[in-house]
Structures are given as structure tokens and as C-alpha cells.
C-alpha atoms as a PDB file:
ATOM      1  CA  MET A   1      12.149  -5.798   1.346  1.00  0.00           C
ATOM      2  CA  THR A   2       9.448  -6.649  -1.114  1.00  0.00           C
ATOM      3  CA  VAL A   3       9.365  -5.367  -4.363  1.00  0.00           C
ATOM      4  CA  ARG A   4       5.835  -6.317  -6.085  1.00  0.00           C
ATOM      5  CA  ILE A   5       6.667  -6.372  -9.830  1.00  0.00           C
ATOM      6  CA  SER A   6       3.322  -7.299 -11.488  1.00  0.00           C
ATOM      7  CA  ARG A   7       1.985  -5.477 -14.294  1.00  0.00           C
ATOM      8  CA  ARG A   8      -1.409  -3.817 -13.387  1.00  0.00           C
ATOM      9  CA  ARG A   9      -4.535  -5.695 -14.893  1.00  0.00           C
ATOM     10  CA  ALA A  10      -7.493  -4.189 -15.952  1.00  0.00           C
ATOM     11  CA  ILE A  11     -10.560  -6.735 -16.829  1.00  0.00           C
ATOM     12  CA  THR A  12     -11.257 -10.262 -16.392  1.00  0.00           C
ATOM     13  CA  VAL A  13     -13.788 -12.928 -14.928  1.00  0.00           C
ATOM     14  CA  LEU A  14     -11.039 -13.926 -11.629  1.00  0.00           C
ATOM     15  CA  ALA A  15     -10.576  -9.955 -11.314  1.00  0.00           C
ATOM     16  CA  ALA A  16     -12.568 -10.518  -7.343  1.00  0.00           C
ATOM     17  CA  ALA A  17      -9.463 -13.079  -6.837  1.00  0.00           C
ATOM     18  CA  ALA A  18      -6.636 -11.416  -8.096  1.00  0.00           C
ATOM     19  CA  GLY A  19      -7.471  -8.102  -6.628  1.00  0.00           C
ATOM     20  CA  LEU A  20      -7.782  -6.114  -9.845  1.00  0.00           C
ATOM     21  CA  PRO A  21      -9.131  -2.714 -10.472  1.00  0.00           C
ATOM     22  CA  LEU A  22     -12.164  -3.851 -12.716  1.00  0.00           C
ATOM     23  CA  LEU A  23     -14.363  -6.873 -12.566  1.00  0.00           C
ATOM     24  CA  MET A  24     -16.551  -8.217 -15.427  1.00  0.00           C
ATOM     25  CA  LYS A  25     -19.708  -9.374 -15.277  1.00  0.00           C
ATOM     26  CA  ALA A  26     -20.054 -12.736 -17.684  1.00  0.00           C
ATOM     27  CA  ALA A  27     -22.736 -13.243 -19.476  1.00  0.00           C
ATOM     28  CA  LYS A  28     -24.656 -16.748 -20.883  1.00  0.00           C
ATOM     29  CA  ALA A  29     -24.321 -17.182 -24.962  1.00  0.00           C
ATOM     30  CA  ASP A  30     -25.738 -20.653 -26.983  1.00  0.00           C
ATOM     31  CA  ALA A  31     -22.158 -19.804 -29.040  1.00  0.00           C
ATOM     32  CA  ARG A  32     -19.284 -22.261 -27.450  1.00  0.00           C
ATOM     33  CA  VAL A  33     -16.651 -20.107 -25.597  1.00  0.00           C
ATOM     34  CA  VAL A  34     -13.135 -20.761 -26.551  1.00  0.00           C
ATOM     35  CA  GLU A  35     -10.522 -19.145 -24.164  1.00  0.00           C
ATOM     36  CA  TRP A  36      -7.022 -19.022 -24.513  1.00  0.00           C
ATOM     37  CA  THR A  37      -4.881 -17.717 -21.338  1.00  0.00           C
ATOM     38  CA  GLY A  38      -1.480 -16.842 -20.492  1.00  0.00           C
ATOM     39  CA  TYR A  39       0.520 -13.588 -20.205  1.00  0.00           C
ATOM     40  CA  THR A  40       1.294 -10.415 -22.088  1.00  0.00           C
ATOM     41  CA  LEU A  41       4.462  -8.440 -21.457  1.00  0.00           C
ATOM     42  CA  GLY A  42       4.368  -9.659 -17.947  1.00  0.00           C
ATOM     43  CA  ALA A  43       0.813  -9.616 -17.201  1.00  0.00           C
ATOM     44  CA  PRO A  44      -2.296 -11.675 -17.054  1.00  0.00           C
ATOM     45  CA  SER A  45      -4.354 -11.899 -20.361  1.00  0.00           C
ATOM     46  CA  THR A  46      -6.916 -13.562 -21.822  1.00  0.00           C
ATOM     47  CA  ILE A  47      -8.445 -13.891 -25.499  1.00  0.00           C
ATOM     48  CA  ARG A  48     -12.021 -15.270 -25.285  1.00  0.00           C
ATOM     49  CA  LEU A  49     -14.351 -15.929 -28.646  1.00  0.00           C
ATOM     50  CA  TYR A  50     -17.874 -16.935 -29.238  1.00  0.00           C
ATOM     51  CA  HIS A  51     -18.374 -19.744 -32.036  1.00  0.00           C
ATOM     52  CA  HIS A  52     -19.679 -22.998 -32.677  1.00  0.00           C
ATOM     53  CA  ASP A  53     -16.746 -24.282 -34.816  1.00  0.00           C
ATOM     54  CA  GLU A  54     -13.963 -24.561 -31.753  1.00  0.00           C
ATOM     55  CA  ALA A  55     -11.611 -25.359 -34.253  1.00  0.00           C
ATOM     56  CA  LYS A  56     -11.961 -22.459 -36.092  1.00  0.00           C
ATOM     57  CA  ALA A  57     -11.584 -20.411 -33.390  1.00  0.00           C
ATOM     58  CA  ARG A  58      -8.628 -21.970 -32.069  1.00  0.00           C
ATOM     59  CA  ALA A  59      -7.037 -21.685 -35.528  1.00  0.00           C
ATOM     60  CA  ALA A  60      -7.724 -17.600 -35.353  1.00  0.00           C
ATOM     61  CA  ILE A  61      -6.441 -17.879 -31.424  1.00  0.00           C
ATOM     62  CA  GLN A  62      -3.055 -19.380 -32.548  1.00  0.00           C
ATOM     63  CA  ALA A  63      -2.704 -16.755 -35.500  1.00  0.00           C
ATOM     64  CA  GLY A  64      -3.495 -13.842 -32.897  1.00  0.00           C
ATOM     65  CA  LEU A  65      -1.095 -15.807 -30.451  1.00  0.00           C
ATOM     66  CA  ALA A  66       1.557 -15.042 -33.584  1.00  0.00           C
ATOM     67  CA  GLU A  67       1.073 -11.463 -33.720  1.00  0.00           C
ATOM     68  CA  LEU A  68       1.271 -11.046 -29.738  1.00  0.00           C
ATOM     69  CA  SER A  69       4.849 -12.827 -29.945  1.00  0.00           C
ATOM     70  CA  ARG A  70       5.923 -10.820 -32.462  1.00  0.00           C
ATOM     71  CA  LEU A  71       5.002  -7.575 -31.134  1.00  0.00           C
ATOM     72  CA  GLU A  72       5.993  -8.517 -27.579  1.00  0.00           C
ATOM     73  CA  GLY A  73       9.997  -9.044 -29.346  1.00  0.00           C
ATOM     74  CA  ILE A  74       9.365  -5.409 -30.266  1.00  0.00           C
ATOM     75  CA  PHE A  75       7.947  -3.866 -27.166  1.00  0.00           C
ATOM     76  CA  SER A  76       9.016  -5.896 -24.187  1.00  0.00           C
ATOM     77  CA  LEU A  77      11.576  -4.651 -21.898  1.00  0.00           C
ATOM     78  CA  TYR A  78      12.826  -8.035 -20.622  1.00  0.00           C
ATOM     79  CA  ARG A  79      14.401  -9.647 -23.965  1.00  0.00           C
ATOM     80  CA  SER A  80      16.954  -8.431 -24.298  1.00  0.00           C
ATOM     81  CA  ASP A  81      16.887  -9.182 -28.109  1.00  0.00           C
ATOM     82  CA  SER A  82      13.523  -6.535 -28.132  1.00  0.00           C
ATOM     83  CA  THR A  83      13.703  -3.238 -30.123  1.00  0.00           C
ATOM     84  CA  ILE A  84      13.193  -1.150 -26.982  1.00  0.00           C
ATOM     85  CA  ALA A  85      15.843  -3.055 -24.764  1.00  0.00           C
ATOM     86  CA  SER A  86      18.345  -2.529 -27.960  1.00  0.00           C
ATOM     87  CA  LEU A  87      17.329   1.222 -27.921  1.00  0.00           C
ATOM     88  CA  ASN A  88      17.947   1.548 -24.109  1.00  0.00           C
ATOM     89  CA  ARG A  89      21.036  -0.396 -24.386  1.00  0.00           C
ATOM     90  CA  ASP A  90      22.618   1.167 -27.221  1.00  0.00           C
ATOM     91  CA  GLY A  91      20.973   5.054 -27.236  1.00  0.00           C
ATOM     92  CA  ALA A  92      19.964   4.566 -30.824  1.00  0.00           C
ATOM     93  CA  VAL A  93      18.335   2.094 -33.272  1.00  0.00           C
ATOM     94  CA  ASP A  94      17.803   1.977 -37.387  1.00  0.00           C
ATOM     95  CA  ASN A  95      15.351  -0.152 -38.670  1.00  0.00           C
ATOM     96  CA  ALA A  96      13.125   0.173 -36.101  1.00  0.00           C
ATOM     97  CA  PRO A  97       9.940  -1.571 -36.751  1.00  0.00           C
ATOM     98  CA  PRO A  98       7.166   0.851 -38.157  1.00  0.00           C
ATOM     99  CA  GLU A  99       5.000  -0.505 -35.285  1.00  0.00           C
ATOM    100  CA  PHE A 100       7.848   0.669 -32.527  1.00  0.00           C
ATOM    101  CA  VAL A 101       7.877   4.464 -34.589  1.00  0.00           C
ATOM    102  CA  GLU A 102       3.701   4.500 -34.396  1.00  0.00           C
ATOM    103  CA  MET A 103       3.827   3.589 -30.624  1.00  0.00           C
ATOM    104  CA  LEU A 104       6.519   5.605 -30.037  1.00  0.00           C
ATOM    105  CA  GLY A 105       5.103   8.563 -31.764  1.00  0.00           C
ATOM    106  CA  ARG A 106       1.526   7.787 -29.555  1.00  0.00           C
ATOM    107  CA  SER A 107       3.493   8.320 -26.303  1.00  0.00           C
ATOM    108  CA  LEU A 108       5.767  11.463 -27.578  1.00  0.00           C
ATOM    109  CA  PHE A 109       1.941  12.925 -28.378  1.00  0.00           C
ATOM    110  CA  LEU A 110       0.789  12.650 -24.663  1.00  0.00           C
ATOM    111  CA  ALA A 111       4.046  13.892 -23.504  1.00  0.00           C
ATOM    112  CA  LYS A 112       3.722  16.884 -25.363  1.00  0.00           C
ATOM    113  CA  ALA A 113      -0.141  17.476 -24.530  1.00  0.00           C
ATOM    114  CA  THR A 114       0.046  17.252 -20.866  1.00  0.00           C
ATOM    115  CA  ASP A 115       3.601  19.641 -20.932  1.00  0.00           C
ATOM    116  CA  GLY A 116       5.611  16.699 -20.241  1.00  0.00           C
ATOM    117  CA  VAL A 117       3.860  15.494 -17.413  1.00  0.00           C
ATOM    118  CA  PHE A 118       3.509  12.075 -18.725  1.00  0.00           C
ATOM    119  CA  ASP A 119       7.102  10.930 -20.127  1.00  0.00           C
ATOM    120  CA  PRO A 120       8.163   7.854 -21.409  1.00  0.00           C
ATOM    121  CA  THR A 121      11.518   8.699 -20.960  1.00  0.00           C
ATOM    122  CA  VAL A 122      10.933   8.038 -17.081  1.00  0.00           C
ATOM    123  CA  GLN A 123      12.685   4.699 -16.938  1.00  0.00           C
ATOM    124  CA  PRO A 124      16.090   5.825 -15.627  1.00  0.00           C
ATOM    125  CA  VAL A 125      13.790   6.544 -12.335  1.00  0.00           C
ATOM    126  CA  TRP A 126      12.492   3.394 -12.427  1.00  0.00           C
ATOM    127  CA  GLN A 127      14.819   1.713 -12.701  1.00  0.00           C
ATOM    128  CA  LEU A 128      16.638   3.844  -9.634  1.00  0.00           C
ATOM    129  CA  TYR A 129      13.751   2.548  -7.681  1.00  0.00           C
ATOM    130  CA  PHE A 130      14.040  -0.923  -8.135  1.00  0.00           C
ATOM    131  CA  ARG A 131      17.719  -0.805  -7.724  1.00  0.00           C
ATOM    132  CA  HIS A 132      17.087   0.880  -4.627  1.00  0.00           C
ATOM    133  CA  PHE A 133      14.064  -1.340  -2.944  1.00  0.00           C
ATOM    134  CA  THR A 134      16.136  -4.688  -4.395  1.00  0.00           C
ATOM    135  CA  ALA A 135      19.292  -4.195  -2.838  1.00  0.00           C
ATOM    136  CA  ALA A 136      20.771  -5.901   0.179  1.00  0.00           C
ATOM    137  CA  THR A 137      20.444  -2.735   2.429  1.00  0.00           C
ATOM    138  CA  VAL A 138      17.370  -0.540   1.768  1.00  0.00           C
ATOM    139  CA  ASP A 139      16.575   3.012   3.334  1.00  0.00           C
ATOM    140  CA  PRO A 140      12.882   3.032   3.465  1.00  0.00           C
ATOM    141  CA  ALA A 141      12.843   7.107   2.579  1.00  0.00           C
ATOM    142  CA  GLY A 142      13.581   5.774  -0.791  1.00  0.00           C
ATOM    143  CA  PRO A 143      16.311   7.245  -3.106  1.00  0.00           C
ATOM    144  CA  SER A 144      18.655   9.271  -1.998  1.00  0.00           C
ATOM    145  CA  ARG A 145      18.117  13.106  -3.160  1.00  0.00           C
ATOM    146  CA  GLN A 146      21.544  12.745  -5.368  1.00  0.00           C
ATOM    147  CA  ASP A 147      20.682   9.872  -7.241  1.00  0.00           C
ATOM    148  CA  MET A 148      17.041  11.184  -7.776  1.00  0.00           C
ATOM    149  CA  ALA A 149      18.900  13.866  -9.523  1.00  0.00           C
ATOM    150  CA  ALA A 150      21.130  11.861 -11.602  1.00  0.00           C
ATOM    151  CA  ALA A 151      17.748  10.122 -13.127  1.00  0.00           C
ATOM    152  CA  LEU A 152      16.096  12.911 -13.593  1.00  0.00           C
ATOM    153  CA  ALA A 153      18.748  14.938 -15.275  1.00  0.00           C
ATOM    154  CA  LEU A 154      18.146  11.674 -18.269  1.00  0.00           C
ATOM    155  CA  VAL A 155      14.498  12.238 -18.121  1.00  0.00           C
ATOM    156  CA  ASP A 156      13.144  14.586 -21.401  1.00  0.00           C
ATOM    157  CA  TRP A 157      10.988  12.958 -24.150  1.00  0.00           C
ATOM    158  CA  ARG A 158      11.959  15.740 -26.417  1.00  0.00           C
ATOM    159  CA  GLY A 159      15.369  14.569 -26.401  1.00  0.00           C
ATOM    160  CA  VAL A 160      13.901  11.395 -28.441  1.00  0.00           C
ATOM    161  CA  GLU A 161      15.283  11.570 -32.116  1.00  0.00           C
ATOM    162  CA  ILE A 162      12.990  10.167 -34.705  1.00  0.00           C
ATOM    163  CA  ASP A 163      14.103   9.311 -38.500  1.00  0.00           C
ATOM    164  CA  ALA A 164      10.414   7.712 -39.602  1.00  0.00           C
ATOM    165  CA  GLY A 165      11.872   7.671 -43.141  1.00  0.00           C
ATOM    166  CA  ARG A 166      14.916   5.716 -42.071  1.00  0.00           C
ATOM    167  CA  GLY A 167      13.594   4.056 -38.923  1.00  0.00           C
ATOM    168  CA  ARG A 168      16.145   5.661 -36.663  1.00  0.00           C
ATOM    169  CA  VAL A 169      15.371   6.493 -33.420  1.00  0.00           C
ATOM    170  CA  ALA A 170      17.785   7.644 -31.007  1.00  0.00           C
ATOM    171  CA  PHE A 171      18.534   9.348 -27.720  1.00  0.00           C
ATOM    172  CA  ALA A 172      20.086  12.811 -27.736  1.00  0.00           C
ATOM    173  CA  ARG A 173      22.222  11.815 -24.535  1.00  0.00           C
ATOM    174  CA  PRO A 174      23.617   8.687 -22.988  1.00  0.00           C
ATOM    175  CA  GLY A 175      22.173   6.908 -20.087  1.00  0.00           C
ATOM    176  CA  MET A 176      18.294   7.917 -21.317  1.00  0.00           C
ATOM    177  CA  GLY A 177      15.819   5.117 -21.308  1.00  0.00           C
ATOM    178  CA  LEU A 178      12.621   4.012 -22.357  1.00  0.00           C
ATOM    179  CA  THR A 179       9.406   2.488 -21.467  1.00  0.00           C
ATOM    180  CA  LEU A 180       6.056   2.063 -23.590  1.00  0.00           C
ATOM    181  CA  ASN A 181       4.595   0.100 -20.825  1.00  0.00           C
ATOM    182  CA  SER A 182       1.834   3.133 -21.064  1.00  0.00           C
ATOM    183  CA  GLY A 183       0.503   1.940 -24.352  1.00  0.00           C
ATOM    184  CA  ALA A 184       2.111  -1.037 -25.655  1.00  0.00           C
ATOM    185  CA  GLN A 185      -0.300  -3.461 -24.004  1.00  0.00           C
ATOM    186  CA  GLY A 186      -3.308  -1.472 -25.639  1.00  0.00           C
ATOM    187  CA  TYR A 187      -1.185  -1.841 -28.505  1.00  0.00           C
ATOM    188  CA  ILE A 188      -0.794  -5.132 -28.858  1.00  0.00           C
ATOM    189  CA  THR A 189      -4.341  -5.643 -28.072  1.00  0.00           C
ATOM    190  CA  ASP A 190      -5.688  -3.885 -30.945  1.00  0.00           C
ATOM    191  CA  LYS A 191      -3.162  -5.349 -33.321  1.00  0.00           C
ATOM    192  CA  VAL A 192      -4.428  -9.166 -31.725  1.00  0.00           C
ATOM    193  CA  ALA A 193      -7.994  -7.800 -32.606  1.00  0.00           C
ATOM    194  CA  ASP A 194      -7.413  -6.696 -36.269  1.00  0.00           C
ATOM    195  CA  VAL A 195      -5.964 -10.563 -36.667  1.00  0.00           C
ATOM    196  CA  LEU A 196      -8.830 -12.216 -35.097  1.00  0.00           C
ATOM    197  CA  ARG A 197     -11.141  -9.942 -37.476  1.00  0.00           C
ATOM    198  CA  SER A 198      -9.491 -11.105 -40.198  1.00  0.00           C
ATOM    199  CA  HIS A 199     -10.174 -15.032 -39.516  1.00  0.00           C
ATOM    200  CA  GLY A 200     -14.002 -13.819 -39.442  1.00  0.00           C
ATOM    201  CA  PHE A 201     -14.575 -13.331 -35.871  1.00  0.00           C
ATOM    202  CA  GLU A 202     -16.579  -9.775 -34.720  1.00  0.00           C
ATOM    203  CA  LYS A 203     -17.987 -10.841 -31.242  1.00  0.00           C
ATOM    204  CA  MET A 204     -15.043 -11.511 -28.861  1.00  0.00           C
ATOM    205  CA  LEU A 205     -13.417  -9.822 -25.779  1.00  0.00           C
ATOM    206  CA  ILE A 206      -9.361  -9.741 -25.902  1.00  0.00           C
ATOM    207  CA  ASP A 207      -8.335  -8.683 -22.548  1.00  0.00           C
ATOM    208  CA  LEU A 208      -4.126  -8.027 -22.455  1.00  0.00           C
ATOM    209  CA  ASP A 209      -4.192  -6.091 -19.512  1.00  0.00           C
ATOM    210  CA  HIS A 210      -6.430  -3.435 -21.448  1.00  0.00           C
ATOM    211  CA  PRO A 211      -9.926  -5.310 -22.399  1.00  0.00           C
ATOM    212  CA  ARG A 212     -11.370  -4.595 -26.187  1.00  0.00           C
ATOM    213  CA  ALA A 213     -14.570  -5.671 -26.491  1.00  0.00           C
ATOM    214  CA  LEU A 214     -15.221  -6.340 -29.832  1.00  0.00           C
ATOM    215  CA  SER A 215     -19.102  -5.756 -31.036  1.00  0.00           C
ATOM    216  CA  SER A 216     -21.729  -7.337 -28.355  1.00  0.00           C
ATOM    217  CA  LYS A 217     -21.955  -9.954 -26.799  1.00  0.00           C
ATOM    218  CA  PRO A 218     -23.323 -13.322 -28.544  1.00  0.00           C
ATOM    219  CA  ASP A 219     -26.881 -12.602 -26.816  1.00  0.00           C
ATOM    220  CA  GLY A 220     -26.656  -8.688 -28.382  1.00  0.00           C
ATOM    221  CA  SER A 221     -26.112  -7.280 -24.885  1.00  0.00           C
ATOM    222  CA  ALA A 222     -23.117  -5.091 -24.289  1.00  0.00           C
ATOM    223  CA  TRP A 223     -20.329  -6.053 -22.246  1.00  0.00           C
ATOM    224  CA  ARG A 224     -20.709  -4.742 -18.349  1.00  0.00           C
ATOM    225  CA  ILE A 225     -17.576  -3.952 -16.464  1.00  0.00           C
ATOM    226  CA  GLY A 226     -17.319  -3.133 -13.095  1.00  0.00           C
ATOM    227  CA  ILE A 227     -15.061  -0.405 -11.470  1.00  0.00           C
ATOM    228  CA  ALA A 228     -13.544  -1.694  -8.266  1.00  0.00           C
ATOM    229  CA  ASN A 229     -12.118   0.468  -5.985  1.00  0.00           C
ATOM    230  CA  PRO A 230      -8.206  -0.421  -5.314  1.00  0.00           C
ATOM    231  CA  ALA A 231      -9.003  -0.719  -1.776  1.00  0.00           C
ATOM    232  CA  ALA A 232     -11.525  -3.285  -1.950  1.00  0.00           C
ATOM    233  CA  PRO A 233     -11.439  -4.855  -5.292  1.00  0.00           C
ATOM    234  CA  THR A 234     -14.015  -7.313  -4.692  1.00  0.00           C
ATOM    235  CA  THR A 235     -16.722  -4.875  -4.914  1.00  0.00           C
ATOM    236  CA  ALA A 236     -18.032  -2.941  -7.870  1.00  0.00           C
ATOM    237  CA  ILE A 237     -18.879   0.587  -6.686  1.00  0.00           C
ATOM    238  CA  THR A 238     -19.893   1.378 -10.108  1.00  0.00           C
ATOM    239  CA  GLU A 239     -20.247   0.072 -13.740  1.00  0.00           C
ATOM    240  CA  ILE A 240     -20.709   0.555 -17.154  1.00  0.00           C
ATOM    241  CA  ASP A 241     -21.676  -0.661 -20.191  1.00  0.00           C
ATOM    242  CA  VAL A 242     -19.170  -0.988 -23.911  1.00  0.00           C
ATOM    243  CA  VAL A 243     -19.512  -2.192 -27.412  1.00  0.00           C
ATOM    244  CA  ASP A 244     -16.951  -2.138 -29.895  1.00  0.00           C
ATOM    245  CA  ARG A 245     -14.821  -0.338 -26.860  1.00  0.00           C
ATOM    246  CA  ALA A 246     -11.968  -0.786 -24.712  1.00  0.00           C
ATOM    247  CA  VAL A 247     -11.285   0.081 -21.318  1.00  0.00           C
ATOM    248  CA  GLY A 248      -7.516   1.164 -20.067  1.00  0.00           C
ATOM    249  CA  SER A 249      -7.065   1.514 -16.477  1.00  0.00           C
ATOM    250  CA  ALA A 250      -3.747   2.748 -13.895  1.00  0.00           C
ATOM    251  CA  GLY A 251      -2.870   3.275 -10.449  1.00  0.00           C
ATOM    252  CA  GLY A 252      -0.279   2.779  -8.130  1.00  0.00           C
ATOM    253  CA  TYR A 253      -1.232  -0.882  -7.205  1.00  0.00           C
ATOM    254  CA  GLY A 254      -0.155  -2.367 -10.338  1.00  0.00           C
ATOM    255  CA  THR A 255       3.746  -2.321  -8.919  1.00  0.00           C
ATOM    256  CA  ILE A 256       4.799  -1.511  -5.480  1.00  0.00           C
ATOM    257  CA  PHE A 257       8.084  -1.261  -4.642  1.00  0.00           C
ATOM    258  CA  ASP A 258       7.627  -0.818  -0.759  1.00  0.00           C
ATOM    259  CA  THR A 259       5.842  -3.033   1.737  1.00  0.00           C
ATOM    260  CA  ASP A 260       4.109   0.197   3.125  1.00  0.00           C
ATOM    261  CA  GLY A 261       2.769   1.043  -0.383  1.00  0.00           C
ATOM    262  CA  ARG A 262       4.377   4.692  -0.466  1.00  0.00           C
ATOM    263  CA  PHE A 263       6.466   4.599  -3.850  1.00  0.00           C
ATOM    264  CA  THR A 264       4.764   3.329  -6.982  1.00  0.00           C
ATOM    265  CA  HIS A 265       5.464   2.942 -10.560  1.00  0.00           C
ATOM    266  CA  ILE A 266       3.469   5.422 -11.266  1.00  0.00           C
ATOM    267  CA  ILE A 267       6.059   7.987 -11.099  1.00  0.00           C
ATOM    268  CA  ASP A 268       6.114  11.940 -11.575  1.00  0.00           C
ATOM    269  CA  PRO A 269       8.636  12.985 -14.161  1.00  0.00           C
ATOM    270  CA  ARG A 270       9.026  16.064 -12.988  1.00  0.00           C
ATOM    271  CA  ASP A 271      10.453  15.503  -9.536  1.00  0.00           C
ATOM    272  CA  GLY A 272      10.593  11.802  -9.482  1.00  0.00           C
ATOM    273  CA  SER A 273       7.758  11.253  -6.934  1.00  0.00           C
ATOM    274  CA  THR A 274       5.099   8.718  -7.162  1.00  0.00           C
ATOM    275  CA  LEU A 275       1.000   8.554  -6.872  1.00  0.00           C
ATOM    276  CA  PRO A 276      -0.438   6.947  -4.087  1.00  0.00           C
ATOM    277  CA  ALA A 277      -0.752   2.989  -4.484  1.00  0.00           C
ATOM    278  CA  LEU A 278      -4.804   2.792  -3.801  1.00  0.00           C
ATOM    279  CA  VAL A 279      -5.537   5.527  -6.456  1.00  0.00           C
ATOM    280  CA  GLY A 280      -6.944   4.483  -9.797  1.00  0.00           C
ATOM    281  CA  VAL A 281      -8.244   5.633 -13.032  1.00  0.00           C
ATOM    282  CA  SER A 282     -10.988   3.694 -15.858  1.00  0.00           C
ATOM    283  CA  VAL A 283     -10.777   5.830 -19.384  1.00  0.00           C
ATOM    284  CA  VAL A 284     -13.014   4.018 -21.927  1.00  0.00           C
ATOM    285  CA  ALA A 285     -12.273   5.105 -25.718  1.00  0.00           C
ATOM    286  CA  GLU A 286     -12.718   3.143 -29.283  1.00  0.00           C
ATOM    287  CA  THR A 287      -9.083   1.020 -29.207  1.00  0.00           C
ATOM    288  CA  ALA A 288      -6.989  -0.109 -26.499  1.00  0.00           C
ATOM    289  CA  LEU A 289      -4.239   1.995 -27.710  1.00  0.00           C
ATOM    290  CA  VAL A 290      -6.135   5.021 -26.636  1.00  0.00           C
ATOM    291  CA  ALA A 291      -7.490   3.934 -23.716  1.00  0.00           C
ATOM    292  CA  ASP A 292      -4.135   2.267 -22.248  1.00  0.00           C
ATOM    293  CA  GLY A 293      -2.228   5.608 -22.858  1.00  0.00           C
ATOM    294  CA  LEU A 294      -4.411   8.372 -21.681  1.00  0.00           C
ATOM    295  CA  ALA A 295      -5.148   6.150 -18.368  1.00  0.00           C
ATOM    296  CA  THR A 296      -1.770   7.065 -17.311  1.00  0.00           C
ATOM    297  CA  ALA A 297      -1.400  10.286 -18.619  1.00  0.00           C
ATOM    298  CA  MET A 298      -4.561  11.289 -17.053  1.00  0.00           C
ATOM    299  CA  LEU A 299      -4.057  10.432 -13.553  1.00  0.00           C
ATOM    300  CA  LEU A 300      -0.436  12.248 -13.578  1.00  0.00           C
ATOM    301  CA  SER A 301      -2.411  15.394 -15.164  1.00  0.00           C
ATOM    302  CA  PRO A 302      -3.934  18.062 -12.798  1.00  0.00           C
ATOM    303  CA  VAL A 303      -7.710  17.843 -12.485  1.00  0.00           C
ATOM    304  CA  GLU A 304      -8.149  21.238 -14.257  1.00  0.00           C
ATOM    305  CA  ARG A 305      -6.824  19.933 -17.364  1.00  0.00           C
ATOM    306  CA  ARG A 306      -8.588  16.239 -17.448  1.00  0.00           C
ATOM    307  CA  ARG A 307     -11.351  17.171 -19.722  1.00  0.00           C
ATOM    308  CA  GLU A 308      -9.057  18.696 -22.085  1.00  0.00           C
ATOM    309  CA  LEU A 309      -6.552  15.915 -22.125  1.00  0.00           C
ATOM    310  CA  LEU A 310      -9.696  13.085 -22.283  1.00  0.00           C
ATOM    311  CA  ARG A 311     -10.915  15.089 -25.612  1.00  0.00           C
ATOM    312  CA  ALA A 312      -7.407  15.944 -27.031  1.00  0.00           C
ATOM    313  CA  GLY A 313      -6.299  12.305 -26.312  1.00  0.00           C
ATOM    314  CA  GLY A 314      -9.657  10.254 -28.289  1.00  0.00           C
ATOM    315  CA  GLY A 315     -11.477   9.656 -25.099  1.00  0.00           C
ATOM    316  CA  GLU A 316     -14.640   9.386 -24.025  1.00  0.00           C
ATOM    317  CA  LEU A 317     -15.046   8.750 -20.299  1.00  0.00           C
ATOM    318  CA  ALA A 318     -12.733   8.414 -17.806  1.00  0.00           C
ATOM    319  CA  LEU A 319     -13.865   7.255 -14.171  1.00  0.00           C
ATOM    320  CA  PHE A 320     -11.416   8.219 -10.870  1.00  0.00           C
ATOM    321  CA  VAL A 321     -12.131   6.287  -7.851  1.00  0.00           C
ATOM    322  CA  THR A 322     -10.247   6.910  -4.582  1.00  0.00           C
ATOM    323  CA  PRO A 323      -9.759   4.563  -1.398  1.00  0.00           C
ATOM    324  CA  GLN A 324     -12.753   5.940   0.386  1.00  0.00           C
ATOM    325  CA  GLY A 325     -14.897   4.889  -2.947  1.00  0.00           C
ATOM    326  CA  VAL A 326     -15.363   8.105  -4.430  1.00  0.00           C
ATOM    327  CA  VAL A 327     -16.098   7.875  -8.072  1.00  0.00           C
ATOM    328  CA  SER A 328     -15.203  11.191 -10.121  1.00  0.00           C
ATOM    329  CA  ARG A 329     -16.925  10.785 -13.746  1.00  0.00           C
ATOM    330  CA  ILE A 330     -15.412  12.730 -16.593  1.00  0.00           C
ATOM    331  CA  GLU A 331     -16.763  12.833 -20.074  1.00  0.00           C
ATOM    332  CA  ALA A 332     -15.065  14.168 -22.873  1.00  0.00           C
END
């Protein structure tokens, strides 16, 4: 049975071809477009600058990529030498980088705000699903109740201990695990944007899984983003214009563990169940960090608490999309 392990995507000019939740409509500009494409924490990524001096733009992009690489060394679950991998392996880290402590603090804030419906310590359950669906013999009904109960016993955001003064982060119990994937791409996006701004660039689009549009487009217009139905990703069913804003998206379509799409990476930490593959949300906020984490948190939260969470978390707009093409709009 195939496990489609690939990070969800948010916005790209190639969204229609890749089957992604957001589509961007490009606009012409007088300035030269200088673009880098690659991967960030496993997700296809793009940095797009507009400038008449191509050499200056490429130098800025290289500086941004250096910052990206540095931060991946902190947040990547797939690098054995990263801070988060060390914490998950050893149960504690000392002298954690301030970026790690800051990002973790944001995730724990969302966990508290949602009463644990969003929980960054859900990693043991994700690992259970991964082991189950990549085993030689697979039960299509999912992990056993016994295995799920054992994994859920390790999930509790209140069991993450932080001593910011010493840079120490530790788990209260052996076997706990952390994921910051709902936020780390957004955090890195914001940091790369800071580097590019320090090089004198203001009009740009940075898409490291969650896009951040700085200023307007070179022609002075807003960046236009189409929200697509995950069930029909080539069709934009509504559009939004953004200037100096970021858009974060979440949905089960990003990682699907089974061929029938019953089990996805959007995991409810209360019982280990997963959200349907074709339900998604996009959040608009001032920063990619806020938009990224809020998207997952709002997708898991009860309908009646979504507006409250959007406001508390610093978001401005949330668009929920169903497989039937229904868009529900929530404003803070």
C-alpha cells in the first residue's frame, strides 16, 4: 500500500498541474523576474524577486537560501542533526537556538488556545500511522486500538518543559515526540523575507509552502490568489487579493497514508482520528508564521470556536472549502 508522503502546498503558478489547494494568477511586470525553485522541509518552494539588476537579485536570493538552510538545520524532522530531531531522539536539548524556542512557544500558544485540539506533540501518532501503512502486511482499517492508545498516551502539549534562559527544552515522559511542521514553513518564510528586505527588496513573492507577498506587485496591483477545491484543484472557486500578507493552507490532501484516502496527516490528538482528505482551509494573516499554524488549528477546531481562534491567533480571514465546492468565509 502506498503512502504519499509530501507536504501540502499553498500557492504556486504551477498549482494546477501539481494538484494544489491554491492557484496564483501571474501578472506582467516591467521589472525582470528572478526566480529560485527548490524544496523547503520537503515542500516545493519558490522565491520570486522583481528587479532590474539581476545580479543584485541573485545575490539576495543566495543570502536568503543561506538563512533557509540554517533554519532547516533547526526544524527538519528528516535531518538527524537538527534541533527537533535531537529532542525527539534524546528527550531533551540544551542550548536550543532562540528560533526553536520562539517557534515552539507559538505552537504551545495555539495548543492552549484550542484546549489541546491542536497539539504539536502528536508526532508519536503520526509515526504510528507511518509504520502501520509502510509495513509489509497492512490492515486497511488502520492501527489497532491498543497501539493507538499507547501512542495517544504520549501526546500532551503540557508535557513540554521550556527553560528559555538556559535554552533547555525537555519532555516530561520518555517516548514523547514533537512536530513543528504546522508553523515551521511559515516561520522560515518570514525569516527569509527579512533577509531579502535587508538587501533592499520590497516587492516579492516568497512561497516556502505558505506564500508571503511583500508589498504589491511591481505594477502596483495586489497579488491575486485563487482558492481551489482540493477535489478539483485546477478550478479556482473564489479569489482573494493580498498586499503585505501571507496565506497559509491546511488539509488532509497533503499526506495521505492509504490508497482510499481515509487516513491523512491532519490528526485529532484527542482520539487519533484523521480528517478527510478533501477538506481544506486557507488563512490570511500579516505573517506566514501566523497563517501557517492557524490553518491547521482552525481545521481541527469546532465550528463554533473558529472565529474566536482566528481573532486570538492574529489571523484576518479564513476560507473553508468542502469537496462539494462550498466556501465558508470567516473574518476576524
